[in-house]
PDB file of all heavy atoms in Angstrom:
ATOM      1  N   ARG A   1     -15.733  58.544 -77.853  1.00  0.00           N
ATOM      2  CA  ARG A   1     -15.500  57.106 -77.885  1.00  0.00           C
ATOM      3  C   ARG A   1     -14.564  56.707 -76.771  1.00  0.00           C
ATOM      4  O   ARG A   1     -14.727  55.651 -76.164  1.00  0.00           O
ATOM      5  CB  ARG A   1     -14.993  56.679 -79.236  1.00  0.00           C
ATOM      6  CG  ARG A   1     -15.985  56.785 -80.375  1.00  0.00           C
ATOM      7  CD  ARG A   1     -15.466  56.182 -81.642  1.00  0.00           C
ATOM      8  NE  ARG A   1     -16.201  56.613 -82.818  1.00  0.00           N
ATOM      9  CZ  ARG A   1     -15.881  57.594 -83.632  1.00  0.00           C
ATOM     10  NH1 ARG A   1     -14.835  58.220 -83.443  1.00  0.00           N
ATOM     11  NH2 ARG A   1     -16.619  57.956 -84.660  1.00  0.00           N
ATOM     12  N   ALA A   2     -13.532  57.478 -76.541  1.00  0.00           N
ATOM     13  CA  ALA A   2     -12.577  57.182 -75.473  1.00  0.00           C
ATOM     14  C   ALA A   2     -13.289  57.300 -74.108  1.00  0.00           C
ATOM     15  O   ALA A   2     -13.025  56.488 -73.184  1.00  0.00           O
ATOM     16  CB  ALA A   2     -11.386  58.170 -75.528  1.00  0.00           C
ATOM     17  N   ALA A   3     -14.172  58.229 -73.958  1.00  0.00           N
ATOM     18  CA  ALA A   3     -14.967  58.339 -72.711  1.00  0.00           C
ATOM     19  C   ALA A   3     -15.849  57.139 -72.483  1.00  0.00           C
ATOM     20  O   ALA A   3     -15.917  56.657 -71.346  1.00  0.00           O
ATOM     21  CB  ALA A   3     -15.771  59.641 -72.712  1.00  0.00           C
ATOM     22  N   LEU A   4     -16.483  56.661 -73.530  1.00  0.00           N
ATOM     23  CA  LEU A   4     -17.335  55.507 -73.417  1.00  0.00           C
ATOM     24  C   LEU A   4     -16.524  54.262 -73.060  1.00  0.00           C
ATOM     25  O   LEU A   4     -16.954  53.401 -72.248  1.00  0.00           O
ATOM     26  CB  LEU A   4     -18.121  55.308 -74.707  1.00  0.00           C
ATOM     27  CG  LEU A   4     -19.169  56.359 -75.020  1.00  0.00           C
ATOM     28  CD1 LEU A   4     -19.720  56.188 -76.418  1.00  0.00           C
ATOM     29  CD2 LEU A   4     -20.335  56.305 -73.995  1.00  0.00           C
ATOM     30  N   GLU A   5     -15.340  54.107 -73.710  1.00  0.00           N
ATOM     31  CA  GLU A   5     -14.512  52.967 -73.377  1.00  0.00           C
ATOM     32  C   GLU A   5     -14.015  53.045 -71.923  1.00  0.00           C
ATOM     33  O   GLU A   5     -13.930  52.048 -71.257  1.00  0.00           O
ATOM     34  CB  GLU A   5     -13.333  52.907 -74.356  1.00  0.00           C
ATOM     35  CG  GLU A   5     -12.421  51.696 -74.152  1.00  0.00           C
ATOM     36  CD  GLU A   5     -13.147  50.375 -74.311  1.00  0.00           C
ATOM     37  OE1 GLU A   5     -14.177  50.334 -75.066  1.00  0.00           O
ATOM     38  OE2 GLU A   5     -12.742  49.407 -73.647  1.00  0.00           O
ATOM     39  N   ALA A   6     -13.662  54.215 -71.486  1.00  0.00           N
ATOM     40  CA  ALA A   6     -13.234  54.403 -70.110  1.00  0.00           C
ATOM     41  C   ALA A   6     -14.333  54.064 -69.138  1.00  0.00           C
ATOM     42  O   ALA A   6     -14.075  53.519 -68.052  1.00  0.00           O
ATOM     43  CB  ALA A   6     -12.746  55.831 -69.869  1.00  0.00           C
ATOM     44  N   ALA A   7     -15.579  54.408 -69.488  1.00  0.00           N
ATOM     45  CA  ALA A   7     -16.690  54.121 -68.616  1.00  0.00           C
ATOM     46  C   ALA A   7     -16.786  52.631 -68.309  1.00  0.00           C
ATOM     47  O   ALA A   7     -17.136  52.233 -67.181  1.00  0.00           O
ATOM     48  CB  ALA A   7     -17.984  54.621 -69.269  1.00  0.00           C
ATOM     49  N   ARG A   8     -16.447  51.811 -69.297  1.00  0.00           N
ATOM     50  CA  ARG A   8     -16.562  50.328 -69.085  1.00  0.00           C
ATOM     51  C   ARG A   8     -15.488  49.834 -68.132  1.00  0.00           C
ATOM     52  O   ARG A   8     -15.584  48.670 -67.694  1.00  0.00           O
ATOM     53  CB  ARG A   8     -16.408  49.658 -70.447  1.00  0.00           C
ATOM     54  CG  ARG A   8     -17.525  49.921 -71.415  1.00  0.00           C
ATOM     55  CD  ARG A   8     -17.387  49.181 -72.741  1.00  0.00           C
ATOM     56  NE  ARG A   8     -18.525  49.450 -73.607  1.00  0.00           N
ATOM     57  CZ  ARG A   8     -18.492  50.379 -74.551  1.00  0.00           C
ATOM     58  NH1 ARG A   8     -17.423  51.123 -74.701  1.00  0.00           N
ATOM     59  NH2 ARG A   8     -19.583  50.593 -75.315  1.00  0.00           N
ATOM     60  N   ARG A   9     -14.551  50.639 -67.712  1.00  0.00           N
ATOM     61  CA  ARG A   9     -13.585  50.263 -66.715  1.00  0.00           C
ATOM     62  C   ARG A   9     -14.146  50.392 -65.284  1.00  0.00           C
ATOM     63  O   ARG A   9     -13.492  49.982 -64.292  1.00  0.00           O
ATOM     64  CB  ARG A   9     -12.316  51.136 -66.836  1.00  0.00           C
ATOM     65  CG  ARG A   9     -11.591  50.961 -68.176  1.00  0.00           C
ATOM     66  CD  ARG A   9     -10.637  52.045 -68.406  1.00  0.00           C
ATOM     67  NE  ARG A   9      -9.427  51.878 -67.578  1.00  0.00           N
ATOM     68  CZ  ARG A   9      -8.326  51.295 -67.978  1.00  0.00           C
ATOM     69  NH1 ARG A   9      -8.285  50.757 -69.194  1.00  0.00           N
ATOM     70  NH2 ARG A   9      -7.298  51.222 -67.217  1.00  0.00           N
ATOM     71  N   GLY A  10     -15.358  51.018 -65.180  1.00  0.00           N
ATOM     72  CA  GLY A  10     -16.023  51.089 -63.911  1.00  0.00           C
ATOM     73  C   GLY A  10     -16.802  49.791 -63.622  1.00  0.00           C
ATOM     74  O   GLY A  10     -16.659  48.786 -64.292  1.00  0.00           O
ATOM     75  N   ILE A  11     -17.598  49.847 -62.616  1.00  0.00           N
ATOM     76  CA  ILE A  11     -18.443  48.703 -62.213  1.00  0.00           C
ATOM     77  C   ILE A  11     -19.906  49.137 -62.173  1.00  0.00           C
ATOM     78  O   ILE A  11     -20.180  50.299 -61.845  1.00  0.00           O
ATOM     79  CB  ILE A  11     -18.020  48.101 -60.882  1.00  0.00           C
ATOM     80  CG1 ILE A  11     -18.076  49.145 -59.743  1.00  0.00           C
ATOM     81  CG2 ILE A  11     -16.627  47.486 -60.978  1.00  0.00           C
ATOM     82  CD1 ILE A  11     -17.825  48.548 -58.385  1.00  0.00           C
ATOM     83  N   ARG A  12     -20.784  48.245 -62.531  1.00  0.00           N
ATOM     84  CA  ARG A  12     -22.200  48.592 -62.535  1.00  0.00           C
ATOM     85  C   ARG A  12     -22.757  48.533 -61.114  1.00  0.00           C
ATOM     86  O   ARG A  12     -22.230  47.818 -60.238  1.00  0.00           O
ATOM     87  CB  ARG A  12     -22.980  47.631 -63.451  1.00  0.00           C
ATOM     88  CG  ARG A  12     -22.591  47.758 -64.926  1.00  0.00           C
ATOM     89  CD  ARG A  12     -23.698  47.304 -65.828  1.00  0.00           C
ATOM     90  NE  ARG A  12     -23.276  47.362 -67.173  1.00  0.00           N
ATOM     91  CZ  ARG A  12     -23.314  48.499 -67.930  1.00  0.00           C
ATOM     92  NH1 ARG A  12     -23.714  49.621 -67.400  1.00  0.00           N
ATOM     93  NH2 ARG A  12     -22.905  48.471 -69.176  1.00  0.00           N
ATOM     94  N   GLY A  13     -23.821  49.245 -60.914  1.00  0.00           N
ATOM     95  CA  GLY A  13     -24.497  49.225 -59.631  1.00  0.00           C
ATOM     96  C   GLY A  13     -25.440  50.396 -59.475  1.00  0.00           C
ATOM     97  O   GLY A  13     -26.140  50.789 -60.400  1.00  0.00           O
ATOM     98  N   ALA A  14     -25.467  50.959 -58.278  1.00  0.00           N
ATOM     99  CA  ALA A  14     -26.410  52.048 -58.006  1.00  0.00           C
ATOM    100  C   ALA A  14     -26.107  53.295 -58.796  1.00  0.00           C
ATOM    101  O   ALA A  14     -26.949  54.128 -59.065  1.00  0.00           O
ATOM    102  CB  ALA A  14     -26.350  52.405 -56.520  1.00  0.00           C
ATOM    103  N   ASN A  15     -24.830  53.454 -59.239  1.00  0.00           N
ATOM    104  CA  ASN A  15     -24.433  54.565 -60.047  1.00  0.00           C
ATOM    105  C   ASN A  15     -24.157  54.116 -61.472  1.00  0.00           C
ATOM    106  O   ASN A  15     -23.782  52.981 -61.709  1.00  0.00           O
ATOM    107  CB  ASN A  15     -23.178  55.259 -59.506  1.00  0.00           C
ATOM    108  CG  ASN A  15     -23.410  55.960 -58.202  1.00  0.00           C
ATOM    109  OD1 ASN A  15     -24.443  55.849 -57.649  1.00  0.00           O
ATOM    110  ND2 ASN A  15     -22.484  56.675 -57.706  1.00  0.00           N
ATOM    111  N   PRO A  16     -24.347  55.018 -62.468  1.00  0.00           N
ATOM    112  CA  PRO A  16     -24.020  54.648 -63.833  1.00  0.00           C
ATOM    113  C   PRO A  16     -22.521  54.551 -64.070  1.00  0.00           C
ATOM    114  O   PRO A  16     -21.712  55.058 -63.280  1.00  0.00           O
ATOM    115  CB  PRO A  16     -24.610  55.829 -64.672  1.00  0.00           C
ATOM    116  CG  PRO A  16     -24.501  57.008 -63.692  1.00  0.00           C
ATOM    117  CD  PRO A  16     -24.768  56.420 -62.339  1.00  0.00           C
ATOM    118  N   VAL A  17     -22.095  53.798 -65.090  1.00  0.00           N
ATOM    119  CA  VAL A  17     -20.674  53.830 -65.496  1.00  0.00           C
ATOM    120  C   VAL A  17     -20.510  55.060 -66.400  1.00  0.00           C
ATOM    121  O   VAL A  17     -21.240  55.304 -67.317  1.00  0.00           O
ATOM    122  CB  VAL A  17     -20.248  52.530 -66.182  1.00  0.00           C
ATOM    123  CG1 VAL A  17     -20.298  51.390 -65.190  1.00  0.00           C
ATOM    124  CG2 VAL A  17     -21.165  52.193 -67.388  1.00  0.00           C
ATOM    125  N   VAL A  18     -19.456  55.868 -66.089  1.00  0.00           N
ATOM    126  CA  VAL A  18     -19.241  57.129 -66.748  1.00  0.00           C
ATOM    127  C   VAL A  18     -17.775  57.297 -67.044  1.00  0.00           C
ATOM    128  O   VAL A  18     -16.901  56.956 -66.229  1.00  0.00           O
ATOM    129  CB  VAL A  18     -19.749  58.308 -65.894  1.00  0.00           C
ATOM    130  CG1 VAL A  18     -19.570  59.640 -66.644  1.00  0.00           C
ATOM    131  CG2 VAL A  18     -21.216  58.122 -65.512  1.00  0.00           C
ATOM    132  N   GLY A  19     -17.445  57.863 -68.214  1.00  0.00           N
ATOM    133  CA  GLY A  19     -16.090  58.228 -68.585  1.00  0.00           C
ATOM    134  C   GLY A  19     -16.032  59.712 -68.991  1.00  0.00           C
ATOM    135  O   GLY A  19     -17.019  60.303 -69.438  1.00  0.00           O
ATOM    136  N   ALA A  20     -14.857  60.308 -68.811  1.00  0.00           N
ATOM    137  CA  ALA A  20     -14.653  61.698 -69.127  1.00  0.00           C
ATOM    138  C   ALA A  20     -13.305  61.875 -69.737  1.00  0.00           C
ATOM    139  O   ALA A  20     -12.307  61.226 -69.358  1.00  0.00           O
ATOM    140  CB  ALA A  20     -14.804  62.583 -67.906  1.00  0.00           C
ATOM    141  N   VAL A  21     -13.218  62.786 -70.729  1.00  0.00           N
ATOM    142  CA  VAL A  21     -11.982  63.068 -71.426  1.00  0.00           C
ATOM    143  C   VAL A  21     -11.741  64.590 -71.458  1.00  0.00           C
ATOM    144  O   VAL A  21     -12.676  65.371 -71.660  1.00  0.00           O
ATOM    145  CB  VAL A  21     -12.039  62.578 -72.899  1.00  0.00           C
ATOM    146  CG1 VAL A  21     -10.908  63.116 -73.729  1.00  0.00           C
ATOM    147  CG2 VAL A  21     -11.993  61.050 -72.883  1.00  0.00           C
ATOM    148  N   ILE A  22     -10.539  64.997 -71.206  1.00  0.00           N
ATOM    149  CA  ILE A  22     -10.150  66.400 -71.387  1.00  0.00           C
ATOM    150  C   ILE A  22      -9.448  66.542 -72.735  1.00  0.00           C
ATOM    151  O   ILE A  22      -8.426  65.887 -73.018  1.00  0.00           O
ATOM    152  CB  ILE A  22      -9.214  66.909 -70.263  1.00  0.00           C
ATOM    153  CG1 ILE A  22      -9.981  66.845 -68.906  1.00  0.00           C
ATOM    154  CG2 ILE A  22      -8.761  68.302 -70.540  1.00  0.00           C
ATOM    155  CD1 ILE A  22      -9.174  67.233 -67.708  1.00  0.00           C
ATOM    156  N   LEU A  23     -10.023  67.338 -73.616  1.00  0.00           N
ATOM    157  CA  LEU A  23      -9.598  67.454 -74.999  1.00  0.00           C
ATOM    158  C   LEU A  23      -8.965  68.843 -75.230  1.00  0.00           C
ATOM    159  O   LEU A  23      -9.516  69.860 -74.813  1.00  0.00           O
ATOM    160  CB  LEU A  23     -10.781  67.290 -75.945  1.00  0.00           C
ATOM    161  CG  LEU A  23     -10.520  67.249 -77.461  1.00  0.00           C
ATOM    162  CD1 LEU A  23      -9.778  65.984 -77.842  1.00  0.00           C
ATOM    163  CD2 LEU A  23     -11.865  67.288 -78.189  1.00  0.00           C
ATOM    164  N   SER A  24      -7.783  68.860 -75.870  1.00  0.00           N
ATOM    165  CA  SER A  24      -7.104  70.165 -76.124  1.00  0.00           C
ATOM    166  C   SER A  24      -7.775  70.855 -77.299  1.00  0.00           C
ATOM    167  O   SER A  24      -8.518  70.277 -78.075  1.00  0.00           O
ATOM    168  CB  SER A  24      -5.624  69.926 -76.421  1.00  0.00           C
ATOM    169  OG  SER A  24      -5.441  69.397 -77.725  1.00  0.00           O
ATOM    170  N   ALA A  25      -7.473  72.146 -77.463  1.00  0.00           N
ATOM    171  CA  ALA A  25      -7.978  72.937 -78.555  1.00  0.00           C
ATOM    172  C   ALA A  25      -7.518  72.375 -79.909  1.00  0.00           C
ATOM    173  O   ALA A  25      -8.209  72.537 -80.930  1.00  0.00           O
ATOM    174  CB  ALA A  25      -7.588  74.381 -78.432  1.00  0.00           C
ATOM    175  N   ALA A  26      -6.384  71.715 -79.934  1.00  0.00           N
ATOM    176  CA  ALA A  26      -5.825  71.105 -81.134  1.00  0.00           C
ATOM    177  C   ALA A  26      -6.448  69.750 -81.429  1.00  0.00           C
ATOM    178  O   ALA A  26      -6.061  69.093 -82.427  1.00  0.00           O
ATOM    179  CB  ALA A  26      -4.318  71.020 -81.072  1.00  0.00           C
ATOM    180  N   GLY A  27      -7.307  69.241 -80.561  1.00  0.00           N
ATOM    181  CA  GLY A  27      -7.940  67.969 -80.806  1.00  0.00           C
ATOM    182  C   GLY A  27      -7.194  66.796 -80.191  1.00  0.00           C
ATOM    183  O   GLY A  27      -7.456  65.630 -80.544  1.00  0.00           O
ATOM    184  N   GLU A  28      -6.301  67.055 -79.268  1.00  0.00           N
ATOM    185  CA  GLU A  28      -5.488  65.967 -78.587  1.00  0.00           C
ATOM    186  C   GLU A  28      -6.196  65.565 -77.293  1.00  0.00           C
ATOM    187  O   GLU A  28      -6.576  66.413 -76.500  1.00  0.00           O
ATOM    188  CB  GLU A  28      -4.070  66.474 -78.310  1.00  0.00           C
ATOM    189  CG  GLU A  28      -3.213  65.498 -77.631  1.00  0.00           C
ATOM    190  CD  GLU A  28      -1.872  66.041 -77.203  1.00  0.00           C
ATOM    191  OE1 GLU A  28      -1.641  67.251 -77.431  1.00  0.00           O
ATOM    192  OE2 GLU A  28      -1.060  65.285 -76.628  1.00  0.00           O
ATOM    193  N   ILE A  29      -6.283  64.260 -77.122  1.00  0.00           N
ATOM    194  CA  ILE A  29      -6.810  63.729 -75.826  1.00  0.00           C
ATOM    195  C   ILE A  29      -5.715  63.881 -74.785  1.00  0.00           C
ATOM    196  O   ILE A  29      -4.643  63.276 -74.916  1.00  0.00           O
ATOM    197  CB  ILE A  29      -7.299  62.261 -76.006  1.00  0.00           C
ATOM    198  CG1 ILE A  29      -8.510  62.210 -76.904  1.00  0.00           C
ATOM    199  CG2 ILE A  29      -7.555  61.650 -74.622  1.00  0.00           C
ATOM    200  CD1 ILE A  29      -8.998  60.766 -77.165  1.00  0.00           C
ATOM    201  N   LEU A  30      -5.991  64.682 -73.771  1.00  0.00           N
ATOM    202  CA  LEU A  30      -4.966  64.948 -72.751  1.00  0.00           C
ATOM    203  C   LEU A  30      -5.093  64.018 -71.518  1.00  0.00           C
ATOM    204  O   LEU A  30      -4.077  63.503 -71.077  1.00  0.00           O
ATOM    205  CB  LEU A  30      -5.083  66.386 -72.273  1.00  0.00           C
ATOM    206  CG  LEU A  30      -4.939  67.482 -73.348  1.00  0.00           C
ATOM    207  CD1 LEU A  30      -5.199  68.867 -72.762  1.00  0.00           C
ATOM    208  CD2 LEU A  30      -3.553  67.431 -73.976  1.00  0.00           C
ATOM    209  N   HIS A  31      -6.309  63.800 -71.056  1.00  0.00           N
ATOM    210  CA  HIS A  31      -6.508  62.996 -69.857  1.00  0.00           C
ATOM    211  C   HIS A  31      -7.823  62.228 -70.010  1.00  0.00           C
ATOM    212  O   HIS A  31      -8.808  62.800 -70.538  1.00  0.00           O
ATOM    213  CB  HIS A  31      -6.478  63.825 -68.569  1.00  0.00           C
ATOM    214  CG  HIS A  31      -5.215  64.609 -68.400  1.00  0.00           C
ATOM    215  ND1 HIS A  31      -4.040  64.010 -68.059  1.00  0.00           N
ATOM    216  CD2 HIS A  31      -4.980  65.901 -68.565  1.00  0.00           C
ATOM    217  CE1 HIS A  31      -3.084  64.913 -67.997  1.00  0.00           C
ATOM    218  NE2 HIS A  31      -3.595  66.104 -68.261  1.00  0.00           N
ATOM    219  N   VAL A  32      -7.876  61.014 -69.472  1.00  0.00           N
ATOM    220  CA  VAL A  32      -9.071  60.224 -69.493  1.00  0.00           C
ATOM    221  C   VAL A  32      -9.383  59.740 -68.082  1.00  0.00           C
ATOM    222  O   VAL A  32      -8.510  59.136 -67.417  1.00  0.00           O
ATOM    223  CB  VAL A  32      -8.911  58.979 -70.421  1.00  0.00           C
ATOM    224  CG1 VAL A  32     -10.219  58.180 -70.452  1.00  0.00           C
ATOM    225  CG2 VAL A  32      -8.567  59.453 -71.833  1.00  0.00           C
ATOM    226  N   GLY A  33     -10.583  59.980 -67.585  1.00  0.00           N
ATOM    227  CA  GLY A  33     -10.992  59.552 -66.282  1.00  0.00           C
ATOM    228  C   GLY A  33     -12.255  58.689 -66.323  1.00  0.00           C
ATOM    229  O   GLY A  33     -12.960  58.676 -67.332  1.00  0.00           O
ATOM    230  N   HIS A  34     -12.483  57.981 -65.259  1.00  0.00           N
ATOM    231  CA  HIS A  34     -13.717  57.153 -65.217  1.00  0.00           C
ATOM    232  C   HIS A  34     -14.117  56.980 -63.758  1.00  0.00           C
ATOM    233  O   HIS A  34     -13.349  57.147 -62.811  1.00  0.00           O
ATOM    234  CB  HIS A  34     -13.545  55.800 -65.861  1.00  0.00           C
ATOM    235  CG  HIS A  34     -12.645  54.846 -65.139  1.00  0.00           C
ATOM    236  ND1 HIS A  34     -11.279  54.945 -65.128  1.00  0.00           N
ATOM    237  CD2 HIS A  34     -12.936  53.765 -64.345  1.00  0.00           C
ATOM    238  CE1 HIS A  34     -10.763  53.933 -64.403  1.00  0.00           C
ATOM    239  NE2 HIS A  34     -11.756  53.236 -63.937  1.00  0.00           N
ATOM    240  N   HIS A  35     -15.376  56.639 -63.596  1.00  0.00           N
ATOM    241  CA  HIS A  35     -15.991  56.416 -62.260  1.00  0.00           C
ATOM    242  C   HIS A  35     -15.814  55.002 -61.878  1.00  0.00           C
ATOM    243  O   HIS A  35     -16.069  54.068 -62.658  1.00  0.00           O
ATOM    244  CB  HIS A  35     -17.501  56.800 -62.289  1.00  0.00           C
ATOM    245  CG  HIS A  35     -18.190  56.696 -60.976  1.00  0.00           C
ATOM    246  ND1 HIS A  35     -17.640  57.196 -59.797  1.00  0.00           N
ATOM    247  CD2 HIS A  35     -19.367  56.175 -60.632  1.00  0.00           C
ATOM    248  CE1 HIS A  35     -18.493  56.986 -58.808  1.00  0.00           C
ATOM    249  NE2 HIS A  35     -19.502  56.339 -59.290  1.00  0.00           N
ATOM    250  N   ARG A  36     -15.408  54.730 -60.623  1.00  0.00           N
ATOM    251  CA  ARG A  36     -15.136  53.362 -60.146  1.00  0.00           C
ATOM    252  C   ARG A  36     -16.134  52.804 -59.172  1.00  0.00           C
ATOM    253  O   ARG A  36     -15.886  51.792 -58.556  1.00  0.00           O
ATOM    254  CB  ARG A  36     -13.709  53.365 -59.515  1.00  0.00           C
ATOM    255  CG  ARG A  36     -12.608  53.686 -60.519  1.00  0.00           C
ATOM    256  CD  ARG A  36     -11.312  53.974 -59.811  1.00  0.00           C
ATOM    257  NE  ARG A  36     -10.154  54.120 -60.748  1.00  0.00           N
ATOM    258  CZ  ARG A  36      -9.876  55.262 -61.380  1.00  0.00           C
ATOM    259  NH1 ARG A  36     -10.634  56.293 -61.208  1.00  0.00           N
ATOM    260  NH2 ARG A  36      -8.837  55.305 -62.194  1.00  0.00           N
ATOM    261  N   GLY A  37     -17.257  53.426 -59.042  1.00  0.00           N
ATOM    262  CA  GLY A  37     -18.297  52.905 -58.197  1.00  0.00           C
ATOM    263  C   GLY A  37     -18.721  53.867 -57.115  1.00  0.00           C
ATOM    264  O   GLY A  37     -18.075  54.909 -56.906  1.00  0.00           O
ATOM    265  N   ALA A  38     -19.825  53.545 -56.455  1.00  0.00           N
ATOM    266  CA  ALA A  38     -20.452  54.454 -55.461  1.00  0.00           C
ATOM    267  C   ALA A  38     -19.426  54.865 -54.392  1.00  0.00           C
ATOM    268  O   ALA A  38     -18.680  54.038 -53.867  1.00  0.00           O
ATOM    269  CB  ALA A  38     -21.617  53.756 -54.803  1.00  0.00           C
ATOM    270  N   GLY A  39     -19.379  56.187 -54.162  1.00  0.00           N
ATOM    271  CA  GLY A  39     -18.476  56.688 -53.106  1.00  0.00           C
ATOM    272  C   GLY A  39     -17.120  57.079 -53.610  1.00  0.00           C
ATOM    273  O   GLY A  39     -16.346  57.703 -52.878  1.00  0.00           O
TER     274      GLY A  39
END
């Protein structure tokens, strides 16, 4: 869900909007990234 919400911080266009999360073994969200557009 955090990845999907992060994806919406990108912009639509030739590439999809994408979000990514790094999750710890204990289930803690460590880092959240997203794509900001082509290039």
